[in-house]
Amino acid sequence: MDENHYNNLFLYLKDQQIPETFDIIQQNQLRKQAAHYVIENGLLYKRKDQKKTRVIRKWELELVLFMFHNDPTAAHAFTDKIMEKMKTCYYWPQMYENIKEYVYSCDAC
């Protein structure tokens, strides 16, 4: 997730703080989106069907993809298999596309 969006959601959930530069439409969008998120232990989680998945920021993305794809138990799994495993723990926008791009750029596959 983009760092600004992550921070905006985090600050809104923590302190009900909305950036001063937001117009009324952006304010309403932030409030609506924030209903699907929660903060735990200083990290942002997305809630869905009574489950929580940790929101990954862009700067964390490559490390998380590397860990899942290169883990000895993963055996350089392909996109769908990695997606199934990752979505139980993590969330970020365009998750499937990023996993697919990472897998197809892997030299060891």
PDB file of N, CA and C in Angstrom:
ATOM      1  N   MET A   1       0.844  -1.169   0.000  1.00  0.00           N
ATOM      2  CA  MET A   1       0.000   0.000   0.000  1.00  0.00           C
ATOM      3  C   MET A   1       0.893   1.237   0.000  1.00  0.00           C
ATOM      4  N   ASP A   2       0.473   2.215  -0.746  1.00  0.00           N
ATOM      5  CA  ASP A   2       1.173   3.490  -0.801  1.00  0.00           C
ATOM      6  C   ASP A   2       1.334   4.055   0.611  1.00  0.00           C
ATOM      7  N   GLU A   3       2.499   4.578   0.902  1.00  0.00           N
ATOM      8  CA  GLU A   3       2.823   5.074   2.240  1.00  0.00           C
ATOM      9  C   GLU A   3       1.861   6.179   2.697  1.00  0.00           C
ATOM     10  N   ASN A   4       1.500   7.095   1.808  1.00  0.00           N
ATOM     11  CA  ASN A   4       0.576   8.170   2.183  1.00  0.00           C
ATOM     12  C   ASN A   4      -0.793   7.625   2.563  1.00  0.00           C
ATOM     13  N   HIS A   5      -1.290   6.696   1.777  1.00  0.00           N
ATOM     14  CA  HIS A   5      -2.599   6.111   2.062  1.00  0.00           C
ATOM     15  C   HIS A   5      -2.571   5.351   3.389  1.00  0.00           C
ATOM     16  N   TYR A   6      -1.514   4.589   3.598  1.00  0.00           N
ATOM     17  CA  TYR A   6      -1.329   3.858   4.852  1.00  0.00           C
ATOM     18  C   TYR A   6      -1.348   4.832   6.029  1.00  0.00           C
ATOM     19  N   ASN A   7      -0.561   5.890   5.916  1.00  0.00           N
ATOM     20  CA  ASN A   7      -0.469   6.874   6.998  1.00  0.00           C
ATOM     21  C   ASN A   7      -1.797   7.583   7.237  1.00  0.00           C
ATOM     22  N   ASN A   8      -2.512   7.904   6.166  1.00  0.00           N
ATOM     23  CA  ASN A   8      -3.809   8.564   6.320  1.00  0.00           C
ATOM     24  C   ASN A   8      -4.795   7.667   7.058  1.00  0.00           C
ATOM     25  N   LEU A   9      -4.855   6.398   6.685  1.00  0.00           N
ATOM     26  CA  LEU A   9      -5.730   5.453   7.378  1.00  0.00           C
ATOM     27  C   LEU A   9      -5.308   5.286   8.837  1.00  0.00           C
ATOM     28  N   PHE A  10      -4.013   5.150   9.054  1.00  0.00           N
ATOM     29  CA  PHE A  10      -3.481   4.946  10.395  1.00  0.00           C
ATOM     30  C   PHE A  10      -3.821   6.130  11.300  1.00  0.00           C
ATOM     31  N   LEU A  11      -3.557   7.342  10.826  1.00  0.00           N
ATOM     32  CA  LEU A  11      -3.833   8.533  11.638  1.00  0.00           C
ATOM     33  C   LEU A  11      -5.319   8.726  11.890  1.00  0.00           C
ATOM     34  N   TYR A  12      -6.126   8.405  10.899  1.00  0.00           N
ATOM     35  CA  TYR A  12      -7.566   8.530  11.093  1.00  0.00           C
ATOM     36  C   TYR A  12      -8.053   7.542  12.150  1.00  0.00           C
ATOM     37  N   LEU A  13      -7.607   6.308  12.077  1.00  0.00           N
ATOM     38  CA  LEU A  13      -8.025   5.300  13.045  1.00  0.00           C
ATOM     39  C   LEU A  13      -7.493   5.603  14.442  1.00  0.00           C
ATOM     40  N   LYS A  14      -6.288   6.116  14.500  1.00  0.00           N
ATOM     41  CA  LYS A  14      -5.640   6.381  15.788  1.00  0.00           C
ATOM     42  C   LYS A  14      -6.217   7.622  16.460  1.00  0.00           C
ATOM     43  N   ASP A  15      -6.329   8.723  15.705  1.00  0.00           N
ATOM     44  CA  ASP A  15      -6.685  10.011  16.302  1.00  0.00           C
ATOM     45  C   ASP A  15      -7.874  10.705  15.652  1.00  0.00           C
ATOM     46  N   GLN A  16      -8.551  10.023  14.718  1.00  0.00           N
ATOM     47  CA  GLN A  16      -9.637  10.636  13.948  1.00  0.00           C
ATOM     48  C   GLN A  16      -9.134  11.886  13.197  1.00  0.00           C
ATOM     49  N   GLN A  17      -7.882  11.852  12.783  1.00  0.00           N
ATOM     50  CA  GLN A  17      -7.238  12.975  12.106  1.00  0.00           C
ATOM     51  C   GLN A  17      -7.310  12.793  10.596  1.00  0.00           C
ATOM     52  N   ILE A  18      -7.833  13.810   9.905  1.00  0.00           N
ATOM     53  CA  ILE A  18      -7.931  13.814   8.444  1.00  0.00           C
ATOM     54  C   ILE A  18      -7.010  14.910   7.925  1.00  0.00           C
ATOM     55  N   PRO A  19      -6.227  14.631   6.880  1.00  0.00           N
ATOM     56  CA  PRO A  19      -5.342  15.672   6.333  1.00  0.00           C
ATOM     57  C   PRO A  19      -6.120  16.938   5.966  1.00  0.00           C
ATOM     58  N   GLU A  20      -5.563  18.069   6.288  1.00  0.00           N
ATOM     59  CA  GLU A  20      -6.208  19.354   6.029  1.00  0.00           C
ATOM     60  C   GLU A  20      -6.435  19.602   4.544  1.00  0.00           C
ATOM     61  N   THR A  21      -5.644  18.982   3.708  1.00  0.00           N
ATOM     62  CA  THR A  21      -5.747  19.203   2.265  1.00  0.00           C
ATOM     63  C   THR A  21      -6.880  18.403   1.627  1.00  0.00           C
ATOM     64  N   PHE A  22      -7.503  17.499   2.375  1.00  0.00           N
ATOM     65  CA  PHE A  22      -8.573  16.668   1.819  1.00  0.00           C
ATOM     66  C   PHE A  22      -9.848  17.483   1.640  1.00  0.00           C
ATOM     67  N   ASP A  23     -10.464  17.334   0.458  1.00  0.00           N
ATOM     68  CA  ASP A  23     -11.769  17.947   0.244  1.00  0.00           C
ATOM     69  C   ASP A  23     -12.832  17.034   0.860  1.00  0.00           C
ATOM     70  N   ILE A  24     -14.083  17.419   0.795  1.00  0.00           N
ATOM     71  CA  ILE A  24     -15.154  16.670   1.445  1.00  0.00           C
ATOM     72  C   ILE A  24     -15.304  15.256   0.873  1.00  0.00           C
ATOM     73  N   ILE A  25     -15.074  15.104  -0.416  1.00  0.00           N
ATOM     74  CA  ILE A  25     -15.159  13.775  -1.043  1.00  0.00           C
ATOM     75  C   ILE A  25     -14.053  12.872  -0.514  1.00  0.00           C
ATOM     76  N   GLN A  26     -12.826  13.379  -0.451  1.00  0.00           N
ATOM     77  CA  GLN A  26     -11.707  12.597   0.063  1.00  0.00           C
ATOM     78  C   GLN A  26     -11.904  12.259   1.541  1.00  0.00           C
ATOM     79  N   GLN A  27     -12.458  13.180   2.292  1.00  0.00           N
ATOM     80  CA  GLN A  27     -12.734  12.928   3.709  1.00  0.00           C
ATOM     81  C   GLN A  27     -13.729  11.780   3.867  1.00  0.00           C
ATOM     82  N   ASN A  28     -14.786  11.807   3.077  1.00  0.00           N
ATOM     83  CA  ASN A  28     -15.792  10.747   3.139  1.00  0.00           C
ATOM     84  C   ASN A  28     -15.223   9.406   2.699  1.00  0.00           C
ATOM     85  N   GLN A  29     -14.366   9.413   1.672  1.00  0.00           N
ATOM     86  CA  GLN A  29     -13.732   8.174   1.207  1.00  0.00           C
ATOM     87  C   GLN A  29     -12.848   7.582   2.303  1.00  0.00           C
ATOM     88  N   LEU A  30     -12.092   8.445   2.975  1.00  0.00           N
ATOM     89  CA  LEU A  30     -11.217   7.971   4.047  1.00  0.00           C
ATOM     90  C   LEU A  30     -12.033   7.365   5.181  1.00  0.00           C
ATOM     91  N   ARG A  31     -13.094   8.028   5.568  1.00  0.00           N
ATOM     92  CA  ARG A  31     -13.954   7.491   6.635  1.00  0.00           C
ATOM     93  C   ARG A  31     -14.548   6.132   6.236  1.00  0.00           C
ATOM     94  N   LYS A  32     -15.012   6.037   5.012  1.00  0.00           N
ATOM     95  CA  LYS A  32     -15.611   4.792   4.527  1.00  0.00           C
ATOM     96  C   LYS A  32     -14.575   3.657   4.481  1.00  0.00           C
ATOM     97  N   GLN A  33     -13.391   3.956   3.964  1.00  0.00           N
ATOM     98  CA  GLN A  33     -12.330   2.946   3.883  1.00  0.00           C
ATOM     99  C   GLN A  33     -11.863   2.517   5.275  1.00  0.00           C
ATOM    100  N   ALA A  34     -11.766   3.470   6.189  1.00  0.00           N
ATOM    101  CA  ALA A  34     -11.258   3.190   7.535  1.00  0.00           C
ATOM    102  C   ALA A  34     -12.129   2.181   8.277  1.00  0.00           C
ATOM    103  N   ALA A  35     -13.382   2.065   7.901  1.00  0.00           N
ATOM    104  CA  ALA A  35     -14.274   1.100   8.545  1.00  0.00           C
ATOM    105  C   ALA A  35     -13.813  -0.337   8.328  1.00  0.00           C
ATOM    106  N   HIS A  36     -12.957  -0.560   7.354  1.00  0.00           N
ATOM    107  CA  HIS A  36     -12.469  -1.909   7.031  1.00  0.00           C
ATOM    108  C   HIS A  36     -11.087  -2.202   7.605  1.00  0.00           C
ATOM    109  N   TYR A  37     -10.582  -1.290   8.419  1.00  0.00           N
ATOM    110  CA  TYR A  37      -9.223  -1.424   8.951  1.00  0.00           C
ATOM    111  C   TYR A  37      -9.222  -1.263  10.459  1.00  0.00           C
ATOM    112  N   VAL A  38      -8.164  -1.778  11.080  1.00  0.00           N
ATOM    113  CA  VAL A  38      -7.973  -1.662  12.519  1.00  0.00           C
ATOM    114  C   VAL A  38      -6.471  -1.593  12.793  1.00  0.00           C
ATOM    115  N   ILE A  39      -6.106  -0.957  13.888  1.00  0.00           N
ATOM    116  CA  ILE A  39      -4.703  -0.902  14.311  1.00  0.00           C
ATOM    117  C   ILE A  39      -4.515  -1.871  15.465  1.00  0.00           C
ATOM    118  N   GLU A  40      -3.484  -2.693  15.357  1.00  0.00           N
ATOM    119  CA  GLU A  40      -3.093  -3.593  16.437  1.00  0.00           C
ATOM    120  C   GLU A  40      -1.581  -3.598  16.541  1.00  0.00           C
ATOM    121  N   ASN A  41      -1.097  -3.422  17.754  1.00  0.00           N
ATOM    122  CA  ASN A  41       0.347  -3.431  18.017  1.00  0.00           C
ATOM    123  C   ASN A  41       1.097  -2.475  17.094  1.00  0.00           C
ATOM    124  N   GLY A  42       0.500  -1.328  16.810  1.00  0.00           N
ATOM    125  CA  GLY A  42       1.153  -0.314  15.994  1.00  0.00           C
ATOM    126  C   GLY A  42       1.180  -0.602  14.509  1.00  0.00           C
ATOM    127  N   LEU A  43       0.421  -1.605  14.056  1.00  0.00           N
ATOM    128  CA  LEU A  43       0.372  -1.959  12.644  1.00  0.00           C
ATOM    129  C   LEU A  43      -1.061  -1.916  12.139  1.00  0.00           C
ATOM    130  N   LEU A  44      -1.206  -1.649  10.857  1.00  0.00           N
ATOM    131  CA  LEU A  44      -2.516  -1.571  10.227  1.00  0.00           C
ATOM    132  C   LEU A  44      -2.927  -2.936   9.698  1.00  0.00           C
ATOM    133  N   TYR A  45      -4.168  -3.321   9.999  1.00  0.00           N
ATOM    134  CA  TYR A  45      -4.729  -4.579   9.529  1.00  0.00           C
ATOM    135  C   TYR A  45      -6.038  -4.314   8.809  1.00  0.00           C
ATOM    136  N   LYS A  46      -6.309  -5.108   7.786  1.00  0.00           N
ATOM    137  CA  LYS A  46      -7.581  -5.031   7.084  1.00  0.00           C
ATOM    138  C   LYS A  46      -8.485  -6.113   7.652  1.00  0.00           C
ATOM    139  N   ARG A  47      -9.734  -5.731   7.933  1.00  0.00           N
ATOM    140  CA  ARG A  47     -10.711  -6.675   8.467  1.00  0.00           C
ATOM    141  C   ARG A  47     -11.620  -7.153   7.340  1.00  0.00           C
ATOM    142  N   LYS A  48     -11.856  -8.459   7.331  1.00  0.00           N
ATOM    143  CA  LYS A  48     -12.794  -9.034   6.368  1.00  0.00           C
ATOM    144  C   LYS A  48     -13.288 -10.356   6.923  1.00  0.00           C
ATOM    145  N   ASP A  49     -14.594 -10.494   7.030  1.00  0.00           N
ATOM    146  CA  ASP A  49     -15.205 -11.737   7.503  1.00  0.00           C
ATOM    147  C   ASP A  49     -14.599 -12.216   8.824  1.00  0.00           C
ATOM    148  N   GLN A  50     -14.504 -11.350   9.791  1.00  0.00           N
ATOM    149  CA  GLN A  50     -13.991 -11.673  11.127  1.00  0.00           C
ATOM    150  C   GLN A  50     -12.500 -12.039  11.149  1.00  0.00           C
ATOM    151  N   LYS A  51     -11.819 -11.847  10.038  1.00  0.00           N
ATOM    152  CA  LYS A  51     -10.385 -12.125   9.976  1.00  0.00           C
ATOM    153  C   LYS A  51      -9.643 -10.812   9.758  1.00  0.00           C
ATOM    154  N   LYS A  52      -8.385 -10.804  10.185  1.00  0.00           N
ATOM    155  CA  LYS A  52      -7.548  -9.625   9.986  1.00  0.00           C
ATOM    156  C   LYS A  52      -6.289 -10.033   9.239  1.00  0.00           C
ATOM    157  N   THR A  53      -5.911  -9.231   8.262  1.00  0.00           N
ATOM    158  CA  THR A  53      -4.667  -9.456   7.527  1.00  0.00           C
ATOM    159  C   THR A  53      -3.834  -8.188   7.597  1.00  0.00           C
ATOM    160  N   ARG A  54      -2.557  -8.351   7.785  1.00  0.00           N
ATOM    161  CA  ARG A  54      -1.664  -7.204   7.915  1.00  0.00           C
ATOM    162  C   ARG A  54      -1.514  -6.488   6.586  1.00  0.00           C
ATOM    163  N   VAL A  55      -1.621  -5.170   6.634  1.00  0.00           N
ATOM    164  CA  VAL A  55      -1.462  -4.351   5.436  1.00  0.00           C
ATOM    165  C   VAL A  55       0.025  -4.139   5.192  1.00  0.00           C
ATOM    166  N   ILE A  56       0.450  -4.434   3.982  1.00  0.00           N
ATOM    167  CA  ILE A  56       1.846  -4.300   3.593  1.00  0.00           C
ATOM    168  C   ILE A  56       2.040  -2.989   2.840  1.00  0.00           C
ATOM    169  N   ARG A  57       3.054  -2.250   3.254  1.00  0.00           N
ATOM    170  CA  ARG A  57       3.400  -1.009   2.561  1.00  0.00           C
ATOM    171  C   ARG A  57       4.332  -1.320   1.401  1.00  0.00           C
ATOM    172  N   LYS A  58       4.412  -0.399   0.446  1.00  0.00           N
ATOM    173  CA  LYS A  58       5.232  -0.643  -0.751  1.00  0.00           C
ATOM    174  C   LYS A  58       6.667  -1.019  -0.403  1.00  0.00           C
ATOM    175  N   TRP A  59       7.240  -0.368   0.595  1.00  0.00           N
ATOM    176  CA  TRP A  59       8.640  -0.649   0.915  1.00  0.00           C
ATOM    177  C   TRP A  59       8.824  -2.039   1.534  1.00  0.00           C
ATOM    178  N   GLU A  60       7.755  -2.672   2.008  1.00  0.00           N
ATOM    179  CA  GLU A  60       7.838  -4.019   2.567  1.00  0.00           C
ATOM    180  C   GLU A  60       7.553  -5.113   1.534  1.00  0.00           C
ATOM    181  N   LEU A  61       7.011  -4.712   0.421  1.00  0.00           N
ATOM    182  CA  LEU A  61       6.483  -5.648  -0.562  1.00  0.00           C
ATOM    183  C   LEU A  61       7.521  -6.649  -1.074  1.00  0.00           C
ATOM    184  N   GLU A  62       8.657  -6.187  -1.509  1.00  0.00           N
ATOM    185  CA  GLU A  62       9.640  -7.098  -2.097  1.00  0.00           C
ATOM    186  C   GLU A  62      10.140  -8.124  -1.078  1.00  0.00           C
ATOM    187  N   LEU A  63      10.334  -7.709   0.144  1.00  0.00           N
ATOM    188  CA  LEU A  63      10.788  -8.640   1.182  1.00  0.00           C
ATOM    189  C   LEU A  63       9.743  -9.723   1.446  1.00  0.00           C
ATOM    190  N   VAL A  64       8.475  -9.340   1.544  1.00  0.00           N
ATOM    191  CA  VAL A  64       7.407 -10.313   1.792  1.00  0.00           C
ATOM    192  C   VAL A  64       7.291 -11.277   0.615  1.00  0.00           C
ATOM    193  N   LEU A  65       7.345 -10.759  -0.596  1.00  0.00           N
ATOM    194  CA  LEU A  65       7.286 -11.631  -1.777  1.00  0.00           C
ATOM    195  C   LEU A  65       8.467 -12.592  -1.807  1.00  0.00           C
ATOM    196  N   PHE A  66       9.637 -12.090  -1.515  1.00  0.00           N
ATOM    197  CA  PHE A  66      10.838 -12.933  -1.493  1.00  0.00           C
ATOM    198  C   PHE A  66      10.683 -14.056  -0.471  1.00  0.00           C
ATOM    199  N   MET A  67      10.226 -13.718   0.733  1.00  0.00           N
ATOM    200  CA  MET A  67      10.083 -14.726   1.792  1.00  0.00           C
ATOM    201  C   MET A  67       9.106 -15.827   1.385  1.00  0.00           C
ATOM    202  N   PHE A  68       7.972 -15.449   0.831  1.00  0.00           N
ATOM    203  CA  PHE A  68       6.985 -16.456   0.452  1.00  0.00           C
ATOM    204  C   PHE A  68       7.416 -17.277  -0.754  1.00  0.00           C
ATOM    205  N   HIS A  69       8.007 -16.648  -1.725  1.00  0.00           N
ATOM    206  CA  HIS A  69       8.375 -17.346  -2.955  1.00  0.00           C
ATOM    207  C   HIS A  69       9.614 -18.217  -2.786  1.00  0.00           C
ATOM    208  N   ASN A  70      10.555 -17.768  -1.972  1.00  0.00           N
ATOM    209  CA  ASN A  70      11.825 -18.478  -1.843  1.00  0.00           C
ATOM    210  C   ASN A  70      11.928 -19.356  -0.602  1.00  0.00           C
ATOM    211  N   ASP A  71      10.887 -19.384   0.197  1.00  0.00           N
ATOM    212  CA  ASP A  71      10.885 -20.249   1.375  1.00  0.00           C
ATOM    213  C   ASP A  71      11.067 -21.698   0.927  1.00  0.00           C
ATOM    214  N   PRO A  72      11.845 -22.491   1.675  1.00  0.00           N
ATOM    215  CA  PRO A  72      12.071 -23.889   1.267  1.00  0.00           C
ATOM    216  C   PRO A  72      10.784 -24.687   1.081  1.00  0.00           C
ATOM    217  N   THR A  73       9.748 -24.369   1.838  1.00  0.00           N
ATOM    218  CA  THR A  73       8.492 -25.112   1.684  1.00  0.00           C
ATOM    219  C   THR A  73       7.676 -24.624   0.489  1.00  0.00           C
ATOM    220  N   ALA A  74       8.032 -23.472  -0.054  1.00  0.00           N
ATOM    221  CA  ALA A  74       7.280 -22.929  -1.192  1.00  0.00           C
ATOM    222  C   ALA A  74       7.730 -23.537  -2.514  1.00  0.00           C
ATOM    223  N   ALA A  75       8.980 -23.942  -2.590  1.00  0.00           N
ATOM    224  CA  ALA A  75       9.543 -24.541  -3.803  1.00  0.00           C
ATOM    225  C   ALA A  75       9.277 -23.667  -5.028  1.00  0.00           C
ATOM    226  N   HIS A  76       9.470 -22.386  -4.878  1.00  0.00           N
ATOM    227  CA  HIS A  76       9.258 -21.420  -5.963  1.00  0.00           C
ATOM    228  C   HIS A  76       7.869 -21.581  -6.574  1.00  0.00           C
ATOM    229  N   ALA A  77       6.885 -21.584  -5.723  1.00  0.00           N
ATOM    230  CA  ALA A  77       5.504 -21.767  -6.162  1.00  0.00           C
ATOM    231  C   ALA A  77       5.076 -20.666  -7.120  1.00  0.00           C
ATOM    232  N   PHE A  78       4.045 -20.973  -7.876  1.00  0.00           N
ATOM    233  CA  PHE A  78       3.540 -20.017  -8.853  1.00  0.00           C
ATOM    234  C   PHE A  78       2.479 -19.109  -8.252  1.00  0.00           C
ATOM    235  N   THR A  79       2.040 -18.179  -9.042  1.00  0.00           N
ATOM    236  CA  THR A  79       1.188 -17.081  -8.615  1.00  0.00           C
ATOM    237  C   THR A  79      -0.014 -17.508  -7.784  1.00  0.00           C
ATOM    238  N   ASP A  80      -0.829 -18.410  -8.276  1.00  0.00           N
ATOM    239  CA  ASP A  80      -2.057 -18.774  -7.567  1.00  0.00           C
ATOM    240  C   ASP A  80      -1.772 -19.397  -6.200  1.00  0.00           C
ATOM    241  N   LYS A  81      -0.766 -20.240  -6.135  1.00  0.00           N
ATOM    242  CA  LYS A  81      -0.426 -20.892  -4.867  1.00  0.00           C
ATOM    243  C   LYS A  81       0.108 -19.872  -3.861  1.00  0.00           C
ATOM    244  N   ILE A  82       0.960 -18.991  -4.308  1.00  0.00           N
ATOM    245  CA  ILE A  82       1.491 -17.960  -3.420  1.00  0.00           C
ATOM    246  C   ILE A  82       0.367 -17.032  -2.959  1.00  0.00           C
ATOM    247  N   MET A  83      -0.515 -16.666  -3.875  1.00  0.00           N
ATOM    248  CA  MET A  83      -1.634 -15.788  -3.535  1.00  0.00           C
ATOM    249  C   MET A  83      -2.496 -16.422  -2.446  1.00  0.00           C
ATOM    250  N   GLU A  84      -2.805 -17.690  -2.576  1.00  0.00           N
ATOM    251  CA  GLU A  84      -3.621 -18.376  -1.569  1.00  0.00           C
ATOM    252  C   GLU A  84      -2.960 -18.336  -0.196  1.00  0.00           C
ATOM    253  N   LYS A  85      -1.658 -18.556  -0.147  1.00  0.00           N
ATOM    254  CA  LYS A  85      -0.940 -18.519   1.124  1.00  0.00           C
ATOM    255  C   LYS A  85      -0.870 -17.099   1.686  1.00  0.00           C
ATOM    256  N   MET A  86      -0.533 -16.154   0.838  1.00  0.00           N
ATOM    257  CA  MET A  86      -0.299 -14.790   1.304  1.00  0.00           C
ATOM    258  C   MET A  86      -1.571 -14.089   1.762  1.00  0.00           C
ATOM    259  N   LYS A  87      -2.678 -14.343   1.098  1.00  0.00           N
ATOM    260  CA  LYS A  87      -3.890 -13.601   1.447  1.00  0.00           C
ATOM    261  C   LYS A  87      -4.441 -13.993   2.808  1.00  0.00           C
ATOM    262  N   THR A  88      -3.950 -15.080   3.383  1.00  0.00           N
ATOM    263  CA  THR A  88      -4.365 -15.435   4.742  1.00  0.00           C
ATOM    264  C   THR A  88      -3.641 -14.588   5.787  1.00  0.00           C
ATOM    265  N   CYS A  89      -2.522 -13.971   5.404  1.00  0.00           N
ATOM    266  CA  CYS A  89      -1.704 -13.200   6.343  1.00  0.00           C
ATOM    267  C   CYS A  89      -1.611 -11.715   6.005  1.00  0.00           C
ATOM    268  N   TYR A  90      -1.592 -11.408   4.715  1.00  0.00           N
ATOM    269  CA  TYR A  90      -1.275 -10.057   4.266  1.00  0.00           C
ATOM    270  C   TYR A  90      -2.296  -9.511   3.279  1.00  0.00           C
ATOM    271  N   TYR A  91      -2.287  -8.192   3.167  1.00  0.00           N
ATOM    272  CA  TYR A  91      -3.130  -7.496   2.188  1.00  0.00           C
ATOM    273  C   TYR A  91      -2.390  -6.266   1.686  1.00  0.00           C
ATOM    274  N   TRP A  92      -2.538  -5.993   0.407  1.00  0.00           N
ATOM    275  CA  TRP A  92      -2.195  -4.706  -0.191  1.00  0.00           C
ATOM    276  C   TRP A  92      -2.943  -4.618  -1.513  1.00  0.00           C
ATOM    277  N   PRO A  93      -3.230  -3.398  -1.967  1.00  0.00           N
ATOM    278  CA  PRO A  93      -3.909  -3.260  -3.265  1.00  0.00           C
ATOM    279  C   PRO A  93      -3.041  -3.843  -4.387  1.00  0.00           C
ATOM    280  N   GLN A  94      -3.672  -4.388  -5.394  1.00  0.00           N
ATOM    281  CA  GLN A  94      -3.003  -5.019  -6.540  1.00  0.00           C
ATOM    282  C   GLN A  94      -2.111  -6.191  -6.126  1.00  0.00           C
ATOM    283  N   MET A  95      -2.528  -6.904  -5.128  1.00  0.00           N
ATOM    284  CA  MET A  95      -1.755  -8.020  -4.599  1.00  0.00           C
ATOM    285  C   MET A  95      -1.472  -9.080  -5.673  1.00  0.00           C
ATOM    286  N   TYR A  96      -2.501  -9.548  -6.349  1.00  0.00           N
ATOM    287  CA  TYR A  96      -2.328 -10.606  -7.345  1.00  0.00           C
ATOM    288  C   TYR A  96      -1.373 -10.168  -8.461  1.00  0.00           C
ATOM    289  N   GLU A  97      -1.534  -8.946  -8.938  1.00  0.00           N
ATOM    290  CA  GLU A  97      -0.680  -8.451 -10.021  1.00  0.00           C
ATOM    291  C   GLU A  97       0.782  -8.387  -9.586  1.00  0.00           C
ATOM    292  N   ASN A  98       1.029  -7.941  -8.357  1.00  0.00           N
ATOM    293  CA  ASN A  98       2.403  -7.854  -7.859  1.00  0.00           C
ATOM    294  C   ASN A  98       3.028  -9.239  -7.690  1.00  0.00           C
ATOM    295  N   ILE A  99       2.250 -10.188  -7.205  1.00  0.00           N
ATOM    296  CA  ILE A  99       2.760 -11.559  -7.053  1.00  0.00           C
ATOM    297  C   ILE A  99       3.085 -12.145  -8.418  1.00  0.00           C
ATOM    298  N   LYS A 100       2.179 -11.981  -9.358  1.00  0.00           N
ATOM    299  CA  LYS A 100       2.387 -12.502 -10.710  1.00  0.00           C
ATOM    300  C   LYS A 100       3.651 -11.905 -11.334  1.00  0.00           C
ATOM    301  N   GLU A 101       3.823 -10.617 -11.208  1.00  0.00           N
ATOM    302  CA  GLU A 101       5.011  -9.937 -11.753  1.00  0.00           C
ATOM    303  C   GLU A 101       6.274 -10.469 -11.095  1.00  0.00           C
ATOM    304  N   TYR A 102       6.245 -10.666  -9.783  1.00  0.00           N
ATOM    305  CA  TYR A 102       7.419 -11.160  -9.063  1.00  0.00           C
ATOM    306  C   TYR A 102       7.764 -12.580  -9.506  1.00  0.00           C
ATOM    307  N   VAL A 103       6.771 -13.444  -9.595  1.00  0.00           N
ATOM    308  CA  VAL A 103       7.007 -14.838  -9.977  1.00  0.00           C
ATOM    309  C   VAL A 103       7.591 -14.922 -11.379  1.00  0.00           C
ATOM    310  N   TYR A 104       7.052 -14.168 -12.317  1.00  0.00           N
ATOM    311  CA  TYR A 104       7.526 -14.232 -13.691  1.00  0.00           C
ATOM    312  C   TYR A 104       8.884 -13.573 -13.897  1.00  0.00           C
ATOM    313  N   SER A 105       9.297 -12.779 -12.937  1.00  0.00           N
ATOM    314  CA  SER A 105      10.631 -12.178 -13.048  1.00  0.00           C
ATOM    315  C   SER A 105      11.695 -12.995 -12.311  1.00  0.00           C
ATOM    316  N   CYS A 106      11.285 -14.090 -11.668  1.00  0.00           N
ATOM    317  CA  CYS A 106      12.197 -14.930 -10.905  1.00  0.00           C
ATOM    318  C   CYS A 106      13.135 -15.702 -11.840  1.00  0.00           C
ATOM    319  N   ASP A 107      14.413 -15.547 -11.620  1.00  0.00           N
ATOM    320  CA  ASP A 107      15.415 -16.238 -12.456  1.00  0.00           C
ATOM    321  C   ASP A 107      15.492 -17.730 -12.142  1.00  0.00           C
ATOM    322  N   ALA A 108      15.116 -18.112 -10.925  1.00  0.00           N
ATOM    323  CA  ALA A 108      15.248 -19.521 -10.513  1.00  0.00           C
ATOM    324  C   ALA A 108      14.042 -20.385 -10.936  1.00  0.00           C
ATOM    325  N   CYS A 109      12.999 -19.744 -11.422  1.00  0.00           N
ATOM    326  CA  CYS A 109      11.783 -20.509 -11.789  1.00  0.00           C
ATOM    327  C   CYS A 109      11.836 -21.037 -13.198  1.00  0.00           C
TER     328      CYS A 109
END
